[in-house]
Amino acid sequence: MGMWLIPALIAIVIISVISFVSTLKIAKMTSERKSEKDTPISETVEEYATMLNPIVWVYGIFLLFLGIMIFYYWSKVGY
């Protein structure tokens, strides 16, 4: 096992869980629609449209993971 296996698996699990939960929420919203026509967009979605985008979440998790790895190796090896 390489040194990147466990951190990569943790990142994969986190991204998979967030994607699965987002998919379930969207599927639930779609099944609860009252008509086939589009419903008005809520004010929350209009104000925070990028926060509901899964790609933004993946980039955020990646940057967090990268920061943790850099800090870990910096603290282990030193400057």
PDB file of N, CA and C in Angstrom:
ATOM      1  N   MET A   1       0.844  -1.186   0.000  1.00  0.00           N
ATOM      2  CA  MET A   1       0.000   0.000   0.000  1.00  0.00           C
ATOM      3  C   MET A   1       0.885   1.244   0.000  1.00  0.00           C
ATOM      4  N   GLY A   2       0.534   2.169  -0.864  1.00  0.00           N
ATOM      5  CA  GLY A   2       1.262   3.424  -0.917  1.00  0.00           C
ATOM      6  C   GLY A   2       0.754   4.381   0.145  1.00  0.00           C
ATOM      7  N   MET A   3       1.481   5.462   0.307  1.00  0.00           N
ATOM      8  CA  MET A   3       1.107   6.432   1.328  1.00  0.00           C
ATOM      9  C   MET A   3      -0.138   7.221   0.952  1.00  0.00           C
ATOM     10  N   TRP A   4      -0.542   7.198  -0.315  1.00  0.00           N
ATOM     11  CA  TRP A   4      -1.699   7.961  -0.766  1.00  0.00           C
ATOM     12  C   TRP A   4      -2.989   7.142  -0.779  1.00  0.00           C
ATOM     13  N   LEU A   5      -2.907   5.842  -0.505  1.00  0.00           N
ATOM     14  CA  LEU A   5      -4.094   4.993  -0.605  1.00  0.00           C
ATOM     15  C   LEU A   5      -5.171   5.384   0.397  1.00  0.00           C
ATOM     16  N   ILE A   6      -4.852   5.462   1.670  1.00  0.00           N
ATOM     17  CA  ILE A   6      -5.836   5.777   2.704  1.00  0.00           C
ATOM     18  C   ILE A   6      -6.409   7.190   2.522  1.00  0.00           C
ATOM     19  N   PRO A   7      -5.582   8.230   2.314  1.00  0.00           N
ATOM     20  CA  PRO A   7      -6.167   9.555   2.092  1.00  0.00           C
ATOM     21  C   PRO A   7      -7.046   9.624   0.838  1.00  0.00           C
ATOM     22  N   ALA A   8      -6.631   8.927  -0.212  1.00  0.00           N
ATOM     23  CA  ALA A   8      -7.443   8.920  -1.436  1.00  0.00           C
ATOM     24  C   ALA A   8      -8.779   8.217  -1.196  1.00  0.00           C
ATOM     25  N   LEU A   9      -8.764   7.125  -0.469  1.00  0.00           N
ATOM     26  CA  LEU A   9     -10.014   6.422  -0.158  1.00  0.00           C
ATOM     27  C   LEU A   9     -10.937   7.285   0.691  1.00  0.00           C
ATOM     28  N   ILE A  10     -10.386   8.019   1.637  1.00  0.00           N
ATOM     29  CA  ILE A  10     -11.195   8.913   2.466  1.00  0.00           C
ATOM     30  C   ILE A  10     -11.836  10.000   1.607  1.00  0.00           C
ATOM     31  N   ALA A  11     -11.052  10.585   0.706  1.00  0.00           N
ATOM     32  CA  ALA A  11     -11.593  11.621  -0.176  1.00  0.00           C
ATOM     33  C   ALA A  11     -12.665  11.053  -1.096  1.00  0.00           C
ATOM     34  N   ILE A  12     -12.465   9.857  -1.612  1.00  0.00           N
ATOM     35  CA  ILE A  12     -13.455   9.217  -2.489  1.00  0.00           C
ATOM     36  C   ILE A  12     -14.748   8.966  -1.732  1.00  0.00           C
ATOM     37  N   VAL A  13     -14.652   8.488  -0.509  1.00  0.00           N
ATOM     38  CA  VAL A  13     -15.858   8.222   0.294  1.00  0.00           C
ATOM     39  C   VAL A  13     -16.612   9.517   0.576  1.00  0.00           C
ATOM     40  N   ILE A  14     -15.905  10.581   0.946  1.00  0.00           N
ATOM     41  CA  ILE A  14     -16.572  11.856   1.243  1.00  0.00           C
ATOM     42  C   ILE A  14     -17.283  12.397   0.001  1.00  0.00           C
ATOM     43  N   ILE A  15     -16.595  12.386  -1.136  1.00  0.00           N
ATOM     44  CA  ILE A  15     -17.198  12.885  -2.380  1.00  0.00           C
ATOM     45  C   ILE A  15     -18.389  12.024  -2.777  1.00  0.00           C
ATOM     46  N   SER A  16     -18.277  10.713  -2.629  1.00  0.00           N
ATOM     47  CA  SER A  16     -19.375   9.811  -2.987  1.00  0.00           C
ATOM     48  C   SER A  16     -20.603  10.039  -2.106  1.00  0.00           C
ATOM     49  N   VAL A  17     -20.396  10.227  -0.816  1.00  0.00           N
ATOM     50  CA  VAL A  17     -21.517  10.451   0.101  1.00  0.00           C
ATOM     51  C   VAL A  17     -22.224  11.765  -0.229  1.00  0.00           C
ATOM     52  N   ILE A  18     -21.462  12.830  -0.457  1.00  0.00           N
ATOM     53  CA  ILE A  18     -22.076  14.120  -0.796  1.00  0.00           C
ATOM     54  C   ILE A  18     -22.835  14.018  -2.112  1.00  0.00           C
ATOM     55  N   SER A  19     -22.265  13.346  -3.103  1.00  0.00           N
ATOM     56  CA  SER A  19     -22.941  13.185  -4.390  1.00  0.00           C
ATOM     57  C   SER A  19     -24.217  12.364  -4.256  1.00  0.00           C
ATOM     58  N   PHE A  20     -24.165  11.300  -3.464  1.00  0.00           N
ATOM     59  CA  PHE A  20     -25.337  10.441  -3.280  1.00  0.00           C
ATOM     60  C   PHE A  20     -26.465  11.192  -2.578  1.00  0.00           C
ATOM     61  N   VAL A  21     -26.132  11.934  -1.527  1.00  0.00           N
ATOM     62  CA  VAL A  21     -27.147  12.696  -0.798  1.00  0.00           C
ATOM     63  C   VAL A  21     -27.759  13.771  -1.702  1.00  0.00           C
ATOM     64  N   SER A  22     -26.927  14.446  -2.481  1.00  0.00           N
ATOM     65  CA  SER A  22     -27.439  15.460  -3.406  1.00  0.00           C
ATOM     66  C   SER A  22     -28.367  14.840  -4.438  1.00  0.00           C
ATOM     67  N   THR A  23     -28.001  13.689  -4.953  1.00  0.00           N
ATOM     68  CA  THR A  23     -28.835  13.002  -5.936  1.00  0.00           C
ATOM     69  C   THR A  23     -30.170  12.605  -5.331  1.00  0.00           C
ATOM     70  N   LEU A  24     -30.169  12.106  -4.105  1.00  0.00           N
ATOM     71  CA  LEU A  24     -31.422  11.736  -3.451  1.00  0.00           C
ATOM     72  C   LEU A  24     -32.323  12.949  -3.231  1.00  0.00           C
ATOM     73  N   LYS A  25     -31.746  14.081  -2.837  1.00  0.00           N
ATOM     74  CA  LYS A  25     -32.545  15.297  -2.640  1.00  0.00           C
ATOM     75  C   LYS A  25     -33.174  15.758  -3.941  1.00  0.00           C
ATOM     76  N   ILE A  26     -32.405  15.724  -5.024  1.00  0.00           N
ATOM     77  CA  ILE A  26     -32.932  16.145  -6.325  1.00  0.00           C
ATOM     78  C   ILE A  26     -34.014  15.175  -6.798  1.00  0.00           C
ATOM     79  N   ALA A  27     -33.802  13.885  -6.599  1.00  0.00           N
ATOM     80  CA  ALA A  27     -34.808  12.903  -6.994  1.00  0.00           C
ATOM     81  C   ALA A  27     -36.093  13.092  -6.199  1.00  0.00           C
ATOM     82  N   LYS A  28     -35.980  13.404  -4.929  1.00  0.00           N
ATOM     83  CA  LYS A  28     -37.160  13.631  -4.099  1.00  0.00           C
ATOM     84  C   LYS A  28     -37.905  14.872  -4.563  1.00  0.00           C
ATOM     85  N   MET A  29     -37.170  15.948  -4.872  1.00  0.00           N
ATOM     86  CA  MET A  29     -37.812  17.176  -5.357  1.00  0.00           C
ATOM     87  C   MET A  29     -38.512  16.924  -6.690  1.00  0.00           C
ATOM     88  N   THR A  30     -37.916  16.109  -7.544  1.00  0.00           N
ATOM     89  CA  THR A  30     -38.509  15.817  -8.847  1.00  0.00           C
ATOM     90  C   THR A  30     -39.769  14.984  -8.696  1.00  0.00           C
ATOM     91  N   SER A  31     -39.766  14.013  -7.798  1.00  0.00           N
ATOM     92  CA  SER A  31     -40.936  13.155  -7.624  1.00  0.00           C
ATOM     93  C   SER A  31     -42.090  13.884  -6.939  1.00  0.00           C
ATOM     94  N   GLU A  32     -41.802  14.933  -6.183  1.00  0.00           N
ATOM     95  CA  GLU A  32     -42.844  15.673  -5.482  1.00  0.00           C
ATOM     96  C   GLU A  32     -43.407  16.833  -6.290  1.00  0.00           C
ATOM     97  N   ARG A  33     -42.990  16.973  -7.541  1.00  0.00           N
ATOM     98  CA  ARG A  33     -43.516  18.038  -8.374  1.00  0.00           C
ATOM     99  C   ARG A  33     -45.006  17.853  -8.581  1.00  0.00           C
ATOM    100  N   LYS A  34     -45.731  18.941  -8.572  1.00  0.00           N
ATOM    101  CA  LYS A  34     -47.170  18.866  -8.707  1.00  0.00           C
ATOM    102  C   LYS A  34     -47.618  18.945 -10.164  1.00  0.00           C
ATOM    103  N   SER A  35     -46.774  19.458 -11.038  1.00  0.00           N
ATOM    104  CA  SER A  35     -47.122  19.542 -12.451  1.00  0.00           C
ATOM    105  C   SER A  35     -45.875  19.307 -13.288  1.00  0.00           C
ATOM    106  N   GLU A  36     -46.094  19.165 -14.580  1.00  0.00           N
ATOM    107  CA  GLU A  36     -44.970  18.940 -15.474  1.00  0.00           C
ATOM    108  C   GLU A  36     -44.272  20.232 -15.849  1.00  0.00           C
ATOM    109  N   LYS A  37     -44.905  21.348 -15.565  1.00  0.00           N
ATOM    110  CA  LYS A  37     -44.296  22.634 -15.870  1.00  0.00           C
ATOM    111  C   LYS A  37     -43.265  22.982 -14.802  1.00  0.00           C
ATOM    112  N   ASP A  38     -42.326  23.798 -15.199  1.00  0.00           N
ATOM    113  CA  ASP A  38     -41.303  24.228 -14.239  1.00  0.00           C
ATOM    114  C   ASP A  38     -41.926  25.076 -13.138  1.00  0.00           C
ATOM    115  N   THR A  39     -41.424  24.865 -11.940  1.00  0.00           N
ATOM    116  CA  THR A  39     -41.874  25.679 -10.813  1.00  0.00           C
ATOM    117  C   THR A  39     -40.939  26.869 -10.671  1.00  0.00           C
ATOM    118  N   PRO A  40     -41.386  27.928 -10.039  1.00  0.00           N
ATOM    119  CA  PRO A  40     -40.497  29.077  -9.853  1.00  0.00           C
ATOM    120  C   PRO A  40     -39.293  28.709  -8.984  1.00  0.00           C
ATOM    121  N   ILE A  41     -38.178  29.344  -9.276  1.00  0.00           N
ATOM    122  CA  ILE A  41     -36.957  29.093  -8.513  1.00  0.00           C
ATOM    123  C   ILE A  41     -37.049  29.839  -7.185  1.00  0.00           C
ATOM    124  N   SER A  42     -36.717  29.141  -6.114  1.00  0.00           N
ATOM    125  CA  SER A  42     -36.792  29.771  -4.798  1.00  0.00           C
ATOM    126  C   SER A  42     -35.714  30.842  -4.661  1.00  0.00           C
ATOM    127  N   GLU A  43     -35.933  31.747  -3.727  1.00  0.00           N
ATOM    128  CA  GLU A  43     -34.984  32.841  -3.522  1.00  0.00           C
ATOM    129  C   GLU A  43     -33.625  32.332  -3.031  1.00  0.00           C
ATOM    130  N   THR A  44     -33.632  31.284  -2.233  1.00  0.00           N
ATOM    131  CA  THR A  44     -32.377  30.729  -1.727  1.00  0.00           C
ATOM    132  C   THR A  44     -31.511  30.217  -2.868  1.00  0.00           C
ATOM    133  N   VAL A  45     -32.127  29.513  -3.809  1.00  0.00           N
ATOM    134  CA  VAL A  45     -31.377  28.982  -4.944  1.00  0.00           C
ATOM    135  C   VAL A  45     -30.870  30.115  -5.821  1.00  0.00           C
ATOM    136  N   GLU A  46     -31.670  31.147  -5.992  1.00  0.00           N
ATOM    137  CA  GLU A  46     -31.232  32.279  -6.802  1.00  0.00           C
ATOM    138  C   GLU A  46     -30.039  32.985  -6.162  1.00  0.00           C
ATOM    139  N   GLU A  47     -30.034  33.100  -4.844  1.00  0.00           N
ATOM    140  CA  GLU A  47     -28.950  33.796  -4.152  1.00  0.00           C
ATOM    141  C   GLU A  47     -27.687  32.944  -4.043  1.00  0.00           C
ATOM    142  N   TYR A  48     -27.838  31.644  -3.855  1.00  0.00           N
ATOM    143  CA  TYR A  48     -26.700  30.750  -3.626  1.00  0.00           C
ATOM    144  C   TYR A  48     -26.664  29.633  -4.650  1.00  0.00           C
ATOM    145  N   ALA A  49     -26.781  29.952  -5.917  1.00  0.00           N
ATOM    146  CA  ALA A  49     -26.849  28.932  -6.968  1.00  0.00           C
ATOM    147  C   ALA A  49     -25.579  28.091  -7.051  1.00  0.00           C
ATOM    148  N   THR A  50     -24.430  28.694  -6.844  1.00  0.00           N
ATOM    149  CA  THR A  50     -23.190  27.931  -6.973  1.00  0.00           C
ATOM    150  C   THR A  50     -22.966  26.971  -5.813  1.00  0.00           C
ATOM    151  N   MET A  51     -23.555  27.238  -4.663  1.00  0.00           N
ATOM    152  CA  MET A  51     -23.346  26.355  -3.516  1.00  0.00           C
ATOM    153  C   MET A  51     -24.045  25.002  -3.689  1.00  0.00           C
ATOM    154  N   LEU A  52     -25.034  24.929  -4.559  1.00  0.00           N
ATOM    155  CA  LEU A  52     -25.726  23.661  -4.793  1.00  0.00           C
ATOM    156  C   LEU A  52     -25.089  22.859  -5.920  1.00  0.00           C
ATOM    157  N   ASN A  53     -24.056  23.388  -6.540  1.00  0.00           N
ATOM    158  CA  ASN A  53     -23.391  22.711  -7.642  1.00  0.00           C
ATOM    159  C   ASN A  53     -22.405  21.684  -7.084  1.00  0.00           C
ATOM    160  N   PRO A  54     -22.558  20.410  -7.464  1.00  0.00           N
ATOM    161  CA  PRO A  54     -21.663  19.367  -6.931  1.00  0.00           C
ATOM    162  C   PRO A  54     -20.200  19.570  -7.325  1.00  0.00           C
ATOM    163  N   ILE A  55     -19.952  20.195  -8.464  1.00  0.00           N
ATOM    164  CA  ILE A  55     -18.568  20.435  -8.881  1.00  0.00           C
ATOM    165  C   ILE A  55     -17.875  21.374  -7.893  1.00  0.00           C
ATOM    166  N   VAL A  56     -18.612  22.365  -7.403  1.00  0.00           N
ATOM    167  CA  VAL A  56     -18.043  23.284  -6.411  1.00  0.00           C
ATOM    168  C   VAL A  56     -17.686  22.519  -5.139  1.00  0.00           C
ATOM    169  N   TRP A  57     -18.548  21.597  -4.739  1.00  0.00           N
ATOM    170  CA  TRP A  57     -18.267  20.783  -3.550  1.00  0.00           C
ATOM    171  C   TRP A  57     -17.024  19.916  -3.753  1.00  0.00           C
ATOM    172  N   VAL A  58     -16.876  19.340  -4.951  1.00  0.00           N
ATOM    173  CA  VAL A  58     -15.707  18.492  -5.224  1.00  0.00           C
ATOM    174  C   VAL A  58     -14.430  19.323  -5.158  1.00  0.00           C
ATOM    175  N   TYR A  59     -14.442  20.516  -5.753  1.00  0.00           N
ATOM    176  CA  TYR A  59     -13.263  21.382  -5.671  1.00  0.00           C
ATOM    177  C   TYR A  59     -12.961  21.763  -4.223  1.00  0.00           C
ATOM    178  N   GLY A  60     -13.983  22.071  -3.451  1.00  0.00           N
ATOM    179  CA  GLY A  60     -13.779  22.424  -2.045  1.00  0.00           C
ATOM    180  C   GLY A  60     -13.179  21.286  -1.247  1.00  0.00           C
ATOM    181  N   ILE A  61     -13.697  20.088  -1.449  1.00  0.00           N
ATOM    182  CA  ILE A  61     -13.171  18.920  -0.735  1.00  0.00           C
ATOM    183  C   ILE A  61     -11.736  18.638  -1.165  1.00  0.00           C
ATOM    184  N   PHE A  62     -11.470  18.776  -2.466  1.00  0.00           N
ATOM    185  CA  PHE A  62     -10.110  18.558  -2.948  1.00  0.00           C
ATOM    186  C   PHE A  62      -9.138  19.547  -2.324  1.00  0.00           C
ATOM    187  N   LEU A  63      -9.522  20.824  -2.278  1.00  0.00           N
ATOM    188  CA  LEU A  63      -8.634  21.828  -1.696  1.00  0.00           C
ATOM    189  C   LEU A  63      -8.417  21.591  -0.205  1.00  0.00           C
ATOM    190  N   LEU A  64      -9.466  21.185   0.493  1.00  0.00           N
ATOM    191  CA  LEU A  64      -9.322  20.849   1.911  1.00  0.00           C
ATOM    192  C   LEU A  64      -8.378  19.660   2.097  1.00  0.00           C
ATOM    193  N   PHE A  65      -8.580  18.627   1.296  1.00  0.00           N
ATOM    194  CA  PHE A  65      -7.730  17.436   1.332  1.00  0.00           C
ATOM    195  C   PHE A  65      -6.274  17.809   1.029  1.00  0.00           C
ATOM    196  N   LEU A  66      -6.071  18.634   0.014  1.00  0.00           N
ATOM    197  CA  LEU A  66      -4.725  19.060  -0.354  1.00  0.00           C
ATOM    198  C   LEU A  66      -4.071  19.864   0.773  1.00  0.00           C
ATOM    199  N   GLY A  67      -4.830  20.752   1.390  1.00  0.00           N
ATOM    200  CA  GLY A  67      -4.300  21.533   2.504  1.00  0.00           C
ATOM    201  C   GLY A  67      -3.910  20.670   3.687  1.00  0.00           C
ATOM    202  N   ILE A  68      -4.733  19.681   3.991  1.00  0.00           N
ATOM    203  CA  ILE A  68      -4.420  18.763   5.092  1.00  0.00           C
ATOM    204  C   ILE A  68      -3.147  17.977   4.790  1.00  0.00           C
ATOM    205  N   MET A  69      -3.025  17.503   3.540  1.00  0.00           N
ATOM    206  CA  MET A  69      -1.831  16.729   3.168  1.00  0.00           C
ATOM    207  C   MET A  69      -0.571  17.601   3.219  1.00  0.00           C
ATOM    208  N   ILE A  70      -0.664  18.829   2.714  1.00  0.00           N
ATOM    209  CA  ILE A  70       0.501  19.724   2.758  1.00  0.00           C
ATOM    210  C   ILE A  70       0.893  20.020   4.202  1.00  0.00           C
ATOM    211  N   PHE A  71      -0.084  20.313   5.046  1.00  0.00           N
ATOM    212  CA  PHE A  71       0.215  20.595   6.451  1.00  0.00           C
ATOM    213  C   PHE A  71       0.816  19.374   7.142  1.00  0.00           C
ATOM    214  N   TYR A  72       0.284  18.188   6.832  1.00  0.00           N
ATOM    215  CA  TYR A  72       0.789  16.962   7.450  1.00  0.00           C
ATOM    216  C   TYR A  72       2.261  16.740   7.098  1.00  0.00           C
ATOM    217  N   TYR A  73       2.581  16.822   5.819  1.00  0.00           N
ATOM    218  CA  TYR A  73       3.960  16.579   5.416  1.00  0.00           C
ATOM    219  C   TYR A  73       4.891  17.706   5.854  1.00  0.00           C
ATOM    220  N   TRP A  74       4.392  18.930   5.903  1.00  0.00           N
ATOM    221  CA  TRP A  74       5.199  20.037   6.423  1.00  0.00           C
ATOM    222  C   TRP A  74       5.527  19.809   7.896  1.00  0.00           C
ATOM    223  N   SER A  75       4.529  19.372   8.676  1.00  0.00           N
ATOM    224  CA  SER A  75       4.782  19.167  10.099  1.00  0.00           C
ATOM    225  C   SER A  75       5.638  17.932  10.357  1.00  0.00           C
ATOM    226  N   LYS A  76       5.572  16.953   9.465  1.00  0.00           N
ATOM    227  CA  LYS A  76       6.341  15.734   9.647  1.00  0.00           C
ATOM    228  C   LYS A  76       7.809  15.926   9.245  1.00  0.00           C
ATOM    229  N   VAL A  77       8.033  16.598   8.121  1.00  0.00           N
ATOM    230  CA  VAL A  77       9.391  16.733   7.593  1.00  0.00           C
ATOM    231  C   VAL A  77      10.058  18.000   8.091  1.00  0.00           C
ATOM    232  N   GLY A  78       9.290  19.060   8.196  1.00  0.00           N
ATOM    233  CA  GLY A  78       9.872  20.325   8.619  1.00  0.00           C
ATOM    234  C   GLY A  78      10.164  21.221   7.427  1.00  0.00           C
ATOM    235  N   TYR A  79      10.753  22.359   7.700  1.00  0.00           N
ATOM    236  CA  TYR A  79      10.978  23.347   6.651  1.00  0.00           C
ATOM    237  C   TYR A  79      12.339  23.240   6.072  1.00  0.00           C
TER     238      TYR A  79
END
